[in-house]
């Protein structure tokens, strides 16, 4: 419940304050969000399976986000940023859908 309240407060503050994303950060933000979604779906799956560990979740959340952003940064430095960004999104997308399927099976038995 505390997480949902925090989420609601964060969304409300975002609408009120309308923060601007710096130009240098804009290419990395979508990838970081997809990596964070991957960690979130993995955490929900682990919770439903009864193996959730807060420490593992936080480390997974931070490391997924940082590694994904570093891969995209490296791709930008090598001149293949869009290809590596696509690769990261595909891999994380597969993991997100895999976790979503496991969550669906656990919740609905289908």
N, C-alpha and C. Protein backbone atom coordinates (compact mmCIF):
# COMPACT_ATOMS: atom_id res chain seq x y z
N UNK A 1 0.82 -1.19 0.00
CA UNK A 1 0.00 0.00 0.00
C UNK A 1 0.87 1.26 0.00
N UNK A 2 1.98 1.20 0.71
CA UNK A 2 2.88 2.36 0.77
C UNK A 2 3.44 2.65 -0.62
N UNK A 3 3.76 1.59 -1.37
CA UNK A 3 4.30 1.78 -2.72
C UNK A 3 3.27 2.46 -3.62
N UNK A 4 2.02 2.07 -3.52
CA UNK A 4 0.98 2.69 -4.35
C UNK A 4 0.77 4.15 -3.99
N UNK A 5 0.82 4.45 -2.71
CA UNK A 5 0.69 5.85 -2.28
C UNK A 5 1.87 6.67 -2.80
N UNK A 6 3.08 6.10 -2.70
CA UNK A 6 4.26 6.78 -3.22
C UNK A 6 4.18 6.99 -4.72
N UNK A 7 3.67 5.99 -5.43
CA UNK A 7 3.49 6.12 -6.88
C UNK A 7 2.51 7.24 -7.20
N UNK A 8 1.39 7.28 -6.50
CA UNK A 8 0.39 8.32 -6.73
C UNK A 8 0.96 9.71 -6.45
N UNK A 9 1.71 9.84 -5.37
CA UNK A 9 2.33 11.13 -5.04
C UNK A 9 3.34 11.53 -6.11
N UNK A 10 4.14 10.55 -6.57
CA UNK A 10 5.13 10.84 -7.61
C UNK A 10 4.49 11.28 -8.91
N UNK A 11 3.42 10.60 -9.31
CA UNK A 11 2.73 10.99 -10.55
C UNK A 11 2.13 12.38 -10.40
N UNK A 12 1.51 12.66 -9.25
CA UNK A 12 0.92 13.98 -9.02
C UNK A 12 1.99 15.07 -9.06
N UNK A 13 3.14 14.83 -8.42
CA UNK A 13 4.22 15.81 -8.45
C UNK A 13 4.75 16.02 -9.86
N UNK A 14 4.80 14.95 -10.65
CA UNK A 14 5.24 15.07 -12.04
C UNK A 14 4.32 15.96 -12.85
N UNK A 15 3.02 15.81 -12.64
CA UNK A 15 2.07 16.66 -13.36
C UNK A 15 2.13 18.11 -12.89
N UNK A 16 2.34 18.33 -11.61
CA UNK A 16 2.36 19.69 -11.06
C UNK A 16 3.67 20.40 -11.42
N UNK A 17 4.80 19.72 -11.21
CA UNK A 17 6.10 20.36 -11.42
C UNK A 17 6.57 20.34 -12.88
N UNK A 18 6.05 19.43 -13.68
CA UNK A 18 6.44 19.29 -15.09
C UNK A 18 7.95 19.35 -15.29
N UNK A 19 8.68 18.35 -14.76
CA UNK A 19 10.14 18.38 -14.88
C UNK A 19 10.58 18.19 -16.33
N UNK A 20 11.69 18.80 -16.68
CA UNK A 20 12.26 18.67 -18.03
C UNK A 20 13.42 17.68 -17.98
N UNK A 21 13.48 16.82 -18.97
CA UNK A 21 14.58 15.86 -19.07
C UNK A 21 15.70 16.53 -19.87
N UNK A 22 16.93 16.55 -19.32
CA UNK A 22 18.04 17.16 -20.06
C UNK A 22 18.27 16.46 -21.40
N UNK A 23 18.73 17.21 -22.38
CA UNK A 23 18.93 16.67 -23.73
C UNK A 23 19.89 15.49 -23.74
N UNK A 24 20.95 15.53 -22.94
CA UNK A 24 21.93 14.46 -22.95
C UNK A 24 21.36 13.16 -22.38
N UNK A 25 20.29 13.25 -21.58
CA UNK A 25 19.71 12.08 -20.95
C UNK A 25 18.57 11.46 -21.78
N UNK A 26 18.03 12.21 -22.71
CA UNK A 26 16.85 11.76 -23.46
C UNK A 26 17.04 10.44 -24.21
N UNK A 27 18.18 10.16 -24.82
CA UNK A 27 18.31 8.87 -25.52
C UNK A 27 18.30 7.66 -24.57
N UNK A 28 18.69 7.87 -23.32
CA UNK A 28 18.85 6.77 -22.38
C UNK A 28 17.61 6.53 -21.51
N UNK A 29 16.76 7.52 -21.39
CA UNK A 29 15.60 7.40 -20.51
C UNK A 29 14.63 6.31 -20.94
N UNK A 30 14.26 6.19 -22.21
CA UNK A 30 13.34 5.10 -22.58
C UNK A 30 13.91 3.71 -22.30
N UNK A 31 15.20 3.54 -22.53
CA UNK A 31 15.84 2.25 -22.27
C UNK A 31 15.85 1.97 -20.77
N UNK A 32 16.14 2.99 -19.98
CA UNK A 32 16.13 2.81 -18.52
C UNK A 32 14.73 2.46 -18.02
N UNK A 33 13.71 3.05 -18.62
CA UNK A 33 12.33 2.75 -18.21
C UNK A 33 11.97 1.31 -18.56
N UNK A 34 12.36 0.84 -19.74
CA UNK A 34 12.09 -0.55 -20.13
C UNK A 34 12.83 -1.50 -19.20
N UNK A 35 14.08 -1.18 -18.84
CA UNK A 35 14.84 -2.02 -17.91
C UNK A 35 14.18 -2.03 -16.53
N UNK A 36 13.68 -0.89 -16.09
CA UNK A 36 13.00 -0.82 -14.80
C UNK A 36 11.70 -1.63 -14.83
N UNK A 37 10.98 -1.58 -15.95
CA UNK A 37 9.76 -2.38 -16.09
C UNK A 37 10.08 -3.87 -16.03
N UNK A 38 11.19 -4.27 -16.63
CA UNK A 38 11.61 -5.66 -16.57
C UNK A 38 11.83 -6.09 -15.13
N UNK A 39 12.54 -5.26 -14.36
CA UNK A 39 12.78 -5.59 -12.96
C UNK A 39 11.47 -5.62 -12.17
N UNK A 40 10.56 -4.70 -12.46
CA UNK A 40 9.28 -4.66 -11.75
C UNK A 40 8.46 -5.93 -12.02
N UNK A 41 8.35 -6.33 -13.29
CA UNK A 41 7.60 -7.54 -13.61
C UNK A 41 8.27 -8.77 -13.00
N UNK A 42 9.59 -8.78 -12.98
CA UNK A 42 10.30 -9.88 -12.32
C UNK A 42 10.02 -9.92 -10.83
N UNK A 43 9.93 -8.75 -10.21
CA UNK A 43 9.60 -8.69 -8.78
C UNK A 43 8.19 -9.17 -8.48
N UNK A 44 7.25 -8.79 -9.33
CA UNK A 44 5.87 -9.25 -9.16
C UNK A 44 5.80 -10.77 -9.31
N UNK A 45 6.50 -11.28 -10.31
CA UNK A 45 6.52 -12.73 -10.51
C UNK A 45 7.13 -13.44 -9.30
N UNK A 46 8.24 -12.93 -8.81
CA UNK A 46 8.88 -13.54 -7.64
C UNK A 46 7.96 -13.48 -6.43
N UNK A 47 7.24 -12.39 -6.25
CA UNK A 47 6.30 -12.26 -5.12
C UNK A 47 5.21 -13.31 -5.21
N UNK A 48 4.67 -13.50 -6.42
CA UNK A 48 3.60 -14.50 -6.60
C UNK A 48 4.11 -15.92 -6.40
N UNK A 49 5.38 -16.15 -6.73
CA UNK A 49 5.95 -17.48 -6.55
C UNK A 49 6.48 -17.69 -5.14
N UNK A 50 6.43 -16.65 -4.31
CA UNK A 50 6.85 -16.76 -2.92
C UNK A 50 8.35 -16.75 -2.70
N UNK A 51 9.11 -16.24 -3.67
CA UNK A 51 10.57 -16.20 -3.55
C UNK A 51 11.12 -14.77 -3.61
N UNK A 52 10.26 -13.79 -3.36
CA UNK A 52 10.68 -12.39 -3.48
C UNK A 52 11.66 -12.04 -2.36
N UNK A 53 12.72 -11.33 -2.74
CA UNK A 53 13.71 -10.83 -1.79
C UNK A 53 13.98 -9.37 -2.13
N UNK A 54 13.78 -8.49 -1.17
CA UNK A 54 13.92 -7.06 -1.42
C UNK A 54 15.32 -6.70 -1.91
N UNK A 55 16.32 -7.31 -1.32
CA UNK A 55 17.71 -7.02 -1.69
C UNK A 55 17.96 -7.40 -3.15
N UNK A 56 17.49 -8.57 -3.55
CA UNK A 56 17.66 -9.01 -4.94
C UNK A 56 16.90 -8.08 -5.87
N UNK A 57 15.70 -7.65 -5.48
CA UNK A 57 14.91 -6.76 -6.32
C UNK A 57 15.62 -5.43 -6.54
N UNK A 58 16.12 -4.83 -5.47
CA UNK A 58 16.79 -3.52 -5.60
C UNK A 58 18.04 -3.64 -6.46
N UNK A 59 18.83 -4.68 -6.21
CA UNK A 59 20.04 -4.87 -7.02
C UNK A 59 19.69 -5.11 -8.48
N UNK A 60 18.67 -5.92 -8.73
CA UNK A 60 18.22 -6.17 -10.10
C UNK A 60 17.72 -4.90 -10.77
N UNK A 61 16.92 -4.13 -10.05
CA UNK A 61 16.36 -2.89 -10.58
C UNK A 61 17.47 -1.93 -10.99
N UNK A 62 18.41 -1.68 -10.09
CA UNK A 62 19.49 -0.73 -10.35
C UNK A 62 20.42 -1.25 -11.44
N UNK A 63 20.84 -2.52 -11.31
CA UNK A 63 21.81 -3.04 -12.28
C UNK A 63 21.21 -3.15 -13.68
N UNK A 64 19.95 -3.60 -13.81
CA UNK A 64 19.32 -3.65 -15.14
C UNK A 64 19.29 -2.28 -15.79
N UNK A 65 18.90 -1.27 -15.01
CA UNK A 65 18.79 0.08 -15.54
C UNK A 65 20.15 0.63 -15.94
N UNK A 66 21.14 0.46 -15.10
CA UNK A 66 22.48 1.00 -15.40
C UNK A 66 23.11 0.26 -16.57
N UNK A 67 23.01 -1.06 -16.59
CA UNK A 67 23.62 -1.83 -17.67
C UNK A 67 22.97 -1.50 -19.01
N UNK A 68 21.64 -1.41 -19.03
CA UNK A 68 20.96 -1.06 -20.28
C UNK A 68 21.39 0.31 -20.78
N UNK A 69 21.48 1.28 -19.86
CA UNK A 69 21.91 2.62 -20.26
C UNK A 69 23.37 2.61 -20.74
N UNK A 70 24.22 1.83 -20.09
CA UNK A 70 25.62 1.75 -20.52
C UNK A 70 25.75 1.11 -21.90
N UNK A 71 24.94 0.10 -22.18
CA UNK A 71 24.98 -0.53 -23.51
C UNK A 71 24.59 0.48 -24.58
N UNK A 72 23.56 1.25 -24.33
CA UNK A 72 23.13 2.27 -25.29
C UNK A 72 24.20 3.35 -25.43
N UNK A 73 24.81 3.76 -24.31
CA UNK A 73 25.89 4.75 -24.36
C UNK A 73 27.05 4.23 -25.19
N UNK A 74 27.43 2.98 -24.97
CA UNK A 74 28.52 2.39 -25.74
C UNK A 74 28.17 2.35 -27.22
N UNK A 75 26.91 2.00 -27.53
CA UNK A 75 26.47 2.00 -28.92
C UNK A 75 26.55 3.38 -29.54
N UNK A 76 26.19 4.41 -28.78
CA UNK A 76 26.31 5.78 -29.29
C UNK A 76 27.76 6.14 -29.57
N UNK A 77 28.66 5.72 -28.69
CA UNK A 77 30.08 6.02 -28.87
C UNK A 77 30.65 5.30 -30.09
N UNK A 78 30.13 4.11 -30.38
CA UNK A 78 30.61 3.33 -31.52
C UNK A 78 29.88 3.68 -32.81
N UNK A 79 28.83 4.50 -32.72
CA UNK A 79 28.08 4.89 -33.90
C UNK A 79 26.98 3.91 -34.28
N UNK A 80 26.66 2.99 -33.39
CA UNK A 80 25.60 2.00 -33.67
C UNK A 80 24.54 2.05 -32.55
N UNK A 81 24.28 3.25 -32.06
CA UNK A 81 23.38 3.41 -30.93
C UNK A 81 21.98 2.89 -31.18
N UNK A 82 21.43 3.12 -32.36
CA UNK A 82 20.06 2.68 -32.61
C UNK A 82 19.97 1.16 -32.67
N UNK A 83 20.99 0.50 -33.22
CA UNK A 83 20.97 -0.95 -33.29
C UNK A 83 21.07 -1.57 -31.89
N UNK A 84 21.95 -1.04 -31.06
CA UNK A 84 22.07 -1.58 -29.70
C UNK A 84 20.84 -1.25 -28.87
N UNK A 85 20.25 -0.08 -29.09
CA UNK A 85 19.01 0.27 -28.38
C UNK A 85 17.91 -0.72 -28.75
N UNK A 86 17.80 -1.03 -30.03
CA UNK A 86 16.80 -2.00 -30.47
C UNK A 86 17.06 -3.36 -29.85
N UNK A 87 18.30 -3.76 -29.80
CA UNK A 87 18.65 -5.05 -29.19
C UNK A 87 18.28 -5.11 -27.72
N UNK A 88 18.56 -4.04 -27.00
CA UNK A 88 18.23 -3.99 -25.58
C UNK A 88 16.72 -4.05 -25.39
N UNK A 89 15.98 -3.30 -26.18
CA UNK A 89 14.52 -3.29 -26.06
C UNK A 89 13.95 -4.67 -26.39
N UNK A 90 14.48 -5.33 -27.40
CA UNK A 90 13.99 -6.66 -27.77
C UNK A 90 14.24 -7.65 -26.64
N UNK A 91 15.45 -7.68 -26.12
CA UNK A 91 15.78 -8.63 -25.04
C UNK A 91 14.93 -8.36 -23.81
N UNK A 92 14.86 -7.10 -23.39
CA UNK A 92 14.06 -6.78 -22.21
C UNK A 92 12.58 -6.99 -22.47
N UNK A 93 12.13 -6.72 -23.69
CA UNK A 93 10.72 -6.96 -24.03
C UNK A 93 10.37 -8.43 -23.93
N UNK A 94 11.26 -9.30 -24.40
CA UNK A 94 11.03 -10.74 -24.27
C UNK A 94 10.93 -11.13 -22.81
N UNK A 95 11.81 -10.59 -21.98
CA UNK A 95 11.76 -10.91 -20.54
C UNK A 95 10.49 -10.37 -19.90
N UNK A 96 10.06 -9.18 -20.30
CA UNK A 96 8.84 -8.61 -19.73
C UNK A 96 7.64 -9.48 -20.09
N UNK A 97 7.52 -9.87 -21.36
CA UNK A 97 6.40 -10.71 -21.77
C UNK A 97 6.46 -12.10 -21.14
N UNK A 98 7.65 -12.62 -20.95
CA UNK A 98 7.81 -13.91 -20.28
C UNK A 98 7.32 -13.82 -18.83
N UNK A 99 7.73 -12.76 -18.15
CA UNK A 99 7.27 -12.56 -16.76
C UNK A 99 5.77 -12.30 -16.71
N UNK A 100 5.25 -11.55 -17.67
CA UNK A 100 3.81 -11.28 -17.71
C UNK A 100 3.03 -12.57 -17.92
N UNK A 101 3.55 -13.46 -18.78
CA UNK A 101 2.89 -14.75 -18.99
C UNK A 101 2.91 -15.59 -17.72
N UNK A 102 4.03 -15.59 -17.01
CA UNK A 102 4.11 -16.34 -15.76
C UNK A 102 3.15 -15.78 -14.71
N UNK A 103 3.04 -14.45 -14.67
CA UNK A 103 2.11 -13.81 -13.73
C UNK A 103 0.68 -14.18 -14.09
N UNK A 104 0.37 -14.13 -15.37
CA UNK A 104 -0.99 -14.50 -15.82
C UNK A 104 -1.31 -15.94 -15.44
N UNK A 105 -0.35 -16.86 -15.69
CA UNK A 105 -0.58 -18.27 -15.35
C UNK A 105 -0.79 -18.45 -13.86
N UNK A 106 -0.01 -17.72 -13.06
CA UNK A 106 -0.13 -17.83 -11.60
C UNK A 106 -1.46 -17.27 -11.10
N UNK A 107 -1.90 -16.14 -11.66
CA UNK A 107 -3.12 -15.51 -11.19
C UNK A 107 -4.38 -16.21 -11.70
N UNK A 108 -4.37 -16.60 -12.98
CA UNK A 108 -5.59 -17.12 -13.60
C UNK A 108 -5.52 -18.61 -13.91
N UNK A 109 -4.37 -19.23 -13.69
CA UNK A 109 -4.26 -20.66 -13.96
C UNK A 109 -4.38 -21.00 -15.43
N UNK A 110 -4.08 -20.04 -16.28
CA UNK A 110 -4.20 -20.28 -17.73
C UNK A 110 -2.96 -19.83 -18.45
